[in-house]
Amino acid sequence: MLTDFILSLPADWRDAASLFVALGDEQRQRILLSFPPGERLNVTQIAAASTLSRTAVSHHLKVLRGAGALQNEKIGKEVYFWIDKARITHTLQRVLDYVNNHT
């Protein structure tokens, strides 16, 4: 029975799982840490501050955005990204609440 539970991840944990996967990569952690508080950055700015190629940065940004860690907006020809603090906080708080209430 426990095996069935572990194999079928509850729907409300799927976003947490994707966020943890995204945050599990050191390059993506470095990208998130490169954002000054409240700032929006584009791919060129992030790549310039990184050892990664623009293509690699774009890939990591896609993963972070897909996991809900970043939001983005296209302005002219550039796409600007910023940290979705509210979503990250909400997801991590749900995990902490679970740990606090089920241990």
N, C-alpha and C. Protein backbone atom coordinates (compact mmCIF):
# COMPACT_ATOMS: atom_id res chain seq x y z
N MET A 1 0.82 -1.18 0.00
CA MET A 1 0.00 0.00 0.00
C MET A 1 0.87 1.26 0.00
N LEU A 2 1.92 1.30 0.81
CA LEU A 2 2.81 2.45 0.82
C LEU A 2 3.48 2.61 -0.54
N THR A 3 3.84 1.50 -1.18
CA THR A 3 4.45 1.56 -2.51
C THR A 3 3.51 2.22 -3.50
N ASP A 4 2.23 1.90 -3.47
CA ASP A 4 1.25 2.51 -4.37
C ASP A 4 1.19 4.02 -4.15
N PHE A 5 1.23 4.43 -2.90
CA PHE A 5 1.18 5.86 -2.58
C PHE A 5 2.41 6.57 -3.12
N ILE A 6 3.57 5.98 -2.93
CA ILE A 6 4.81 6.59 -3.38
C ILE A 6 4.83 6.68 -4.91
N LEU A 7 4.35 5.65 -5.58
CA LEU A 7 4.36 5.63 -7.04
C LEU A 7 3.36 6.61 -7.65
N SER A 8 2.30 6.92 -6.95
CA SER A 8 1.30 7.85 -7.48
C SER A 8 1.40 9.17 -6.73
N LEU A 9 2.25 10.03 -7.22
CA LEU A 9 2.46 11.33 -6.60
C LEU A 9 1.17 12.13 -6.64
N PRO A 10 0.72 12.65 -5.50
CA PRO A 10 -0.51 13.43 -5.48
C PRO A 10 -0.42 14.64 -6.42
N ALA A 11 -1.52 14.99 -7.02
CA ALA A 11 -1.55 16.09 -8.00
C ALA A 11 -1.02 17.39 -7.41
N ASP A 12 -1.35 17.65 -6.15
CA ASP A 12 -0.90 18.92 -5.55
C ASP A 12 0.59 18.93 -5.20
N TRP A 13 1.28 17.82 -5.45
CA TRP A 13 2.72 17.78 -5.25
C TRP A 13 3.50 17.83 -6.56
N ARG A 14 2.82 17.73 -7.68
CA ARG A 14 3.53 17.70 -8.97
C ARG A 14 4.29 18.99 -9.24
N ASP A 15 3.70 20.13 -8.90
CA ASP A 15 4.42 21.39 -9.12
C ASP A 15 5.63 21.49 -8.19
N ALA A 16 5.51 20.96 -6.98
CA ALA A 16 6.65 20.95 -6.07
C ALA A 16 7.76 20.08 -6.63
N ALA A 17 7.39 18.95 -7.19
CA ALA A 17 8.39 18.05 -7.77
C ALA A 17 9.14 18.73 -8.91
N SER A 18 8.42 19.41 -9.80
CA SER A 18 9.09 20.07 -10.93
C SER A 18 9.96 21.23 -10.45
N LEU A 19 9.52 21.92 -9.40
CA LEU A 19 10.34 23.00 -8.85
C LEU A 19 11.63 22.44 -8.24
N PHE A 20 11.52 21.33 -7.49
CA PHE A 20 12.71 20.73 -6.91
C PHE A 20 13.67 20.23 -7.99
N VAL A 21 13.14 19.68 -9.06
CA VAL A 21 14.00 19.23 -10.16
C VAL A 21 14.73 20.44 -10.76
N ALA A 22 13.98 21.51 -11.01
CA ALA A 22 14.59 22.72 -11.58
C ALA A 22 15.65 23.30 -10.66
N LEU A 23 15.37 23.34 -9.37
CA LEU A 23 16.31 23.91 -8.42
C LEU A 23 17.47 22.98 -8.09
N GLY A 24 17.38 21.73 -8.51
CA GLY A 24 18.42 20.75 -8.23
C GLY A 24 19.66 20.90 -9.09
N ASP A 25 19.59 21.72 -10.10
CA ASP A 25 20.72 21.90 -11.01
C ASP A 25 21.52 23.14 -10.59
N GLU A 26 22.84 22.99 -10.44
CA GLU A 26 23.68 24.10 -9.99
C GLU A 26 23.67 25.28 -10.95
N GLN A 27 23.62 25.02 -12.24
CA GLN A 27 23.59 26.13 -13.20
C GLN A 27 22.30 26.94 -13.05
N ARG A 28 21.19 26.26 -12.83
CA ARG A 28 19.93 26.98 -12.64
C ARG A 28 19.93 27.73 -11.31
N GLN A 29 20.58 27.17 -10.30
CA GLN A 29 20.72 27.89 -9.04
C GLN A 29 21.52 29.17 -9.26
N ARG A 30 22.60 29.07 -10.02
CA ARG A 30 23.43 30.26 -10.31
C ARG A 30 22.62 31.31 -11.07
N ILE A 31 21.80 30.86 -12.01
CA ILE A 31 20.97 31.80 -12.76
C ILE A 31 20.02 32.53 -11.82
N LEU A 32 19.34 31.80 -10.95
CA LEU A 32 18.43 32.45 -10.01
C LEU A 32 19.17 33.42 -9.10
N LEU A 33 20.35 33.04 -8.66
CA LEU A 33 21.12 33.91 -7.77
C LEU A 33 21.67 35.14 -8.48
N SER A 34 21.66 35.15 -9.81
CA SER A 34 22.16 36.31 -10.55
C SER A 34 21.16 37.45 -10.62
N PHE A 35 19.91 37.20 -10.23
CA PHE A 35 18.88 38.25 -10.28
C PHE A 35 18.99 39.15 -9.06
N PRO A 36 19.27 40.44 -9.27
CA PRO A 36 19.20 41.37 -8.13
C PRO A 36 17.73 41.46 -7.68
N PRO A 37 17.50 41.72 -6.39
CA PRO A 37 16.12 41.79 -5.89
C PRO A 37 15.25 42.74 -6.73
N GLY A 38 14.12 42.20 -7.18
CA GLY A 38 13.16 43.00 -7.93
C GLY A 38 13.52 43.31 -9.37
N GLU A 39 14.64 42.80 -9.85
CA GLU A 39 15.09 43.12 -11.21
C GLU A 39 14.59 42.12 -12.24
N ARG A 40 14.49 42.59 -13.46
CA ARG A 40 14.16 41.75 -14.62
C ARG A 40 15.40 41.70 -15.51
N LEU A 41 15.71 40.51 -15.98
CA LEU A 41 16.87 40.33 -16.84
C LEU A 41 16.47 39.60 -18.10
N ASN A 42 17.19 39.89 -19.20
CA ASN A 42 16.96 39.14 -20.43
C ASN A 42 18.07 38.10 -20.62
N VAL A 43 17.92 37.27 -21.61
CA VAL A 43 18.88 36.18 -21.85
C VAL A 43 20.29 36.71 -22.05
N THR A 44 20.42 37.80 -22.80
CA THR A 44 21.74 38.37 -23.07
C THR A 44 22.42 38.79 -21.78
N GLN A 45 21.68 39.44 -20.88
CA GLN A 45 22.25 39.88 -19.61
C GLN A 45 22.68 38.69 -18.75
N ILE A 46 21.85 37.66 -18.73
CA ILE A 46 22.17 36.49 -17.92
C ILE A 46 23.37 35.75 -18.50
N ALA A 47 23.39 35.60 -19.82
CA ALA A 47 24.51 34.91 -20.48
C ALA A 47 25.83 35.67 -20.27
N ALA A 48 25.76 37.00 -20.28
CA ALA A 48 26.97 37.81 -20.10
C ALA A 48 27.57 37.62 -18.71
N ALA A 49 26.72 37.33 -17.73
CA ALA A 49 27.20 37.13 -16.35
C ALA A 49 27.51 35.67 -16.06
N SER A 50 27.42 34.83 -17.08
CA SER A 50 27.56 33.39 -16.89
C SER A 50 28.68 32.83 -17.76
N THR A 51 29.09 31.62 -17.46
CA THR A 51 30.05 30.91 -18.31
C THR A 51 29.32 30.09 -19.38
N LEU A 52 27.98 30.13 -19.34
CA LEU A 52 27.17 29.35 -20.27
C LEU A 52 26.92 30.10 -21.57
N SER A 53 26.67 29.35 -22.62
CA SER A 53 26.29 29.97 -23.89
C SER A 53 24.87 30.51 -23.78
N ARG A 54 24.51 31.37 -24.71
CA ARG A 54 23.15 31.92 -24.74
C ARG A 54 22.14 30.79 -24.91
N THR A 55 22.47 29.80 -25.72
CA THR A 55 21.58 28.65 -25.94
C THR A 55 21.37 27.87 -24.64
N ALA A 56 22.44 27.63 -23.91
CA ALA A 56 22.34 26.90 -22.65
C ALA A 56 21.54 27.70 -21.63
N VAL A 57 21.76 29.02 -21.57
CA VAL A 57 21.00 29.87 -20.66
C VAL A 57 19.52 29.81 -21.02
N SER A 58 19.21 29.88 -22.30
CA SER A 58 17.81 29.81 -22.75
C SER A 58 17.17 28.50 -22.31
N HIS A 59 17.90 27.41 -22.43
CA HIS A 59 17.38 26.11 -21.99
C HIS A 59 17.06 26.13 -20.50
N HIS A 60 18.00 26.61 -19.69
CA HIS A 60 17.79 26.64 -18.25
C HIS A 60 16.64 27.58 -17.87
N LEU A 61 16.51 28.69 -18.57
CA LEU A 61 15.40 29.61 -18.31
C LEU A 61 14.07 28.94 -18.63
N LYS A 62 14.04 28.16 -19.69
CA LYS A 62 12.81 27.44 -20.05
C LYS A 62 12.42 26.46 -18.94
N VAL A 63 13.39 25.74 -18.40
CA VAL A 63 13.12 24.79 -17.32
C VAL A 63 12.63 25.53 -16.08
N LEU A 64 13.29 26.62 -15.72
CA LEU A 64 12.90 27.39 -14.55
C LEU A 64 11.50 27.99 -14.71
N ARG A 65 11.21 28.48 -15.91
CA ARG A 65 9.89 29.05 -16.17
C ARG A 65 8.83 27.96 -16.13
N GLY A 66 9.12 26.82 -16.71
CA GLY A 66 8.18 25.70 -16.70
C GLY A 66 7.89 25.18 -15.31
N ALA A 67 8.86 25.31 -14.41
CA ALA A 67 8.69 24.85 -13.04
C ALA A 67 8.03 25.91 -12.16
N GLY A 68 7.82 27.09 -12.70
CA GLY A 68 7.18 28.15 -11.94
C GLY A 68 8.12 29.02 -11.14
N ALA A 69 9.42 28.88 -11.34
CA ALA A 69 10.39 29.69 -10.61
C ALA A 69 10.55 31.08 -11.21
N LEU A 70 10.26 31.20 -12.49
CA LEU A 70 10.39 32.48 -13.19
C LEU A 70 9.11 32.83 -13.93
N GLN A 71 8.91 34.12 -14.11
CA GLN A 71 7.89 34.63 -15.01
C GLN A 71 8.63 35.38 -16.10
N ASN A 72 7.94 35.63 -17.20
CA ASN A 72 8.58 36.37 -18.28
C ASN A 72 7.58 37.25 -19.00
N GLU A 73 8.14 38.25 -19.70
CA GLU A 73 7.34 39.16 -20.51
C GLU A 73 8.17 39.59 -21.71
N LYS A 74 7.55 39.56 -22.87
CA LYS A 74 8.24 40.00 -24.07
C LYS A 74 7.99 41.49 -24.24
N ILE A 75 9.09 42.23 -24.37
CA ILE A 75 9.03 43.67 -24.61
C ILE A 75 9.86 43.94 -25.85
N GLY A 76 9.18 44.30 -26.93
CA GLY A 76 9.87 44.45 -28.20
C GLY A 76 10.39 43.11 -28.66
N LYS A 77 11.68 43.03 -28.92
CA LYS A 77 12.29 41.77 -29.36
C LYS A 77 12.88 40.97 -28.21
N GLU A 78 12.93 41.57 -27.04
CA GLU A 78 13.55 40.91 -25.89
C GLU A 78 12.50 40.31 -24.96
N VAL A 79 12.88 39.19 -24.34
CA VAL A 79 12.05 38.57 -23.31
C VAL A 79 12.76 38.79 -21.98
N TYR A 80 12.05 39.39 -21.05
CA TYR A 80 12.60 39.65 -19.72
C TYR A 80 12.04 38.66 -18.72
N PHE A 81 12.90 38.20 -17.83
CA PHE A 81 12.54 37.21 -16.82
C PHE A 81 12.71 37.83 -15.44
N TRP A 82 11.92 37.34 -14.50
CA TRP A 82 12.06 37.70 -13.10
C TRP A 82 11.63 36.53 -12.24
N ILE A 83 12.12 36.51 -11.03
CA ILE A 83 11.82 35.42 -10.10
C ILE A 83 10.38 35.55 -9.63
N ASP A 84 9.66 34.45 -9.68
CA ASP A 84 8.28 34.41 -9.19
C ASP A 84 8.33 34.04 -7.71
N LYS A 85 8.65 35.02 -6.91
CA LYS A 85 8.84 34.81 -5.47
C LYS A 85 7.59 34.24 -4.81
N ALA A 86 6.43 34.75 -5.19
CA ALA A 86 5.18 34.28 -4.57
C ALA A 86 4.94 32.81 -4.84
N ARG A 87 5.17 32.38 -6.08
CA ARG A 87 4.93 30.97 -6.41
C ARG A 87 5.94 30.05 -5.73
N ILE A 88 7.20 30.44 -5.73
CA ILE A 88 8.22 29.63 -5.06
C ILE A 88 7.91 29.54 -3.57
N THR A 89 7.59 30.66 -2.97
CA THR A 89 7.27 30.69 -1.54
C THR A 89 6.08 29.81 -1.23
N HIS A 90 5.03 29.92 -2.03
CA HIS A 90 3.81 29.13 -1.81
C HIS A 90 4.11 27.63 -1.91
N THR A 91 4.85 27.24 -2.92
CA THR A 91 5.17 25.83 -3.12
C THR A 91 6.02 25.29 -1.97
N LEU A 92 7.05 26.02 -1.60
CA LEU A 92 7.92 25.57 -0.51
C LEU A 92 7.18 25.57 0.82
N GLN A 93 6.28 26.52 1.01
CA GLN A 93 5.51 26.56 2.26
C GLN A 93 4.60 25.35 2.37
N ARG A 94 3.99 24.93 1.25
CA ARG A 94 3.16 23.72 1.26
C ARG A 94 3.97 22.51 1.69
N VAL A 95 5.19 22.41 1.19
CA VAL A 95 6.05 21.28 1.56
C VAL A 95 6.40 21.37 3.04
N LEU A 96 6.76 22.55 3.52
CA LEU A 96 7.08 22.71 4.94
C LEU A 96 5.87 22.40 5.82
N ASP A 97 4.69 22.85 5.41
CA ASP A 97 3.48 22.56 6.17
C ASP A 97 3.26 21.05 6.26
N TYR A 98 3.46 20.37 5.16
CA TYR A 98 3.30 18.91 5.16
C TYR A 98 4.29 18.27 6.13
N VAL A 99 5.54 18.68 6.03
CA VAL A 99 6.56 18.10 6.91
C VAL A 99 6.22 18.38 8.37
N ASN A 100 5.84 19.60 8.67
CA ASN A 100 5.51 19.96 10.06
C ASN A 100 4.28 19.23 10.59
N ASN A 101 3.34 18.93 9.74
CA ASN A 101 2.09 18.29 10.18
C ASN A 101 2.08 16.77 10.07
N HIS A 102 3.09 16.18 9.44
CA HIS A 102 3.09 14.74 9.22
C HIS A 102 4.35 14.06 9.77
N THR A 103 5.00 14.68 10.70
CA THR A 103 6.19 14.04 11.26
C THR A 103 6.04 13.85 12.76
